[in-house]
Amino acid sequence: MLLTFLRIVTEDSILAGISEVQDFLRSNPTEGTILDFSGIEEFQVPAAFFRNHVNTRRKLVAPDKPRVAVAPQAVVYGMLKMLQAHSEPSRTGPVVVRTREEAYEFLNLNAPVAFSPVYSRATES
């Protein structure tokens, strides 16, 4: 599964994305999830959000399936690495990489991978 974030990323957009993924995974099993932040223009998420997200211990759908986050931007990469570090004891955070190719490698997928959209908020505003 590929979840792509675009334009401006906020706490609400991250929570909405996670909720959509959780709903999708309940009825569509996958071998892993890629959260791709490559296409964002602005990242409006404070570090406290990630600390609080880890501390709430949300129940994950398919916790045994790998999750990887693609974050080429320094700030986003750093924030997600912090989430990964805080999640380490429970192993619920995503592995953080800089490129989608690294994500494919982590998930043992042959690049390029063809993903079909099942839902998009790109046309909503």
Foldseek 3Di string as FASTA:
>chain_A
DEAEDAEEDELVNVVVSQVVVQVCCVVDPDQEYEYEDPHYDYYHYDLVSLVVVLVVPDDGRPQVHAYEYAAQDPVVQVSLVVSCVSNVVVNRGHHYDHDVVVVCVVSVHDPPDDDDDPDDCVPPD
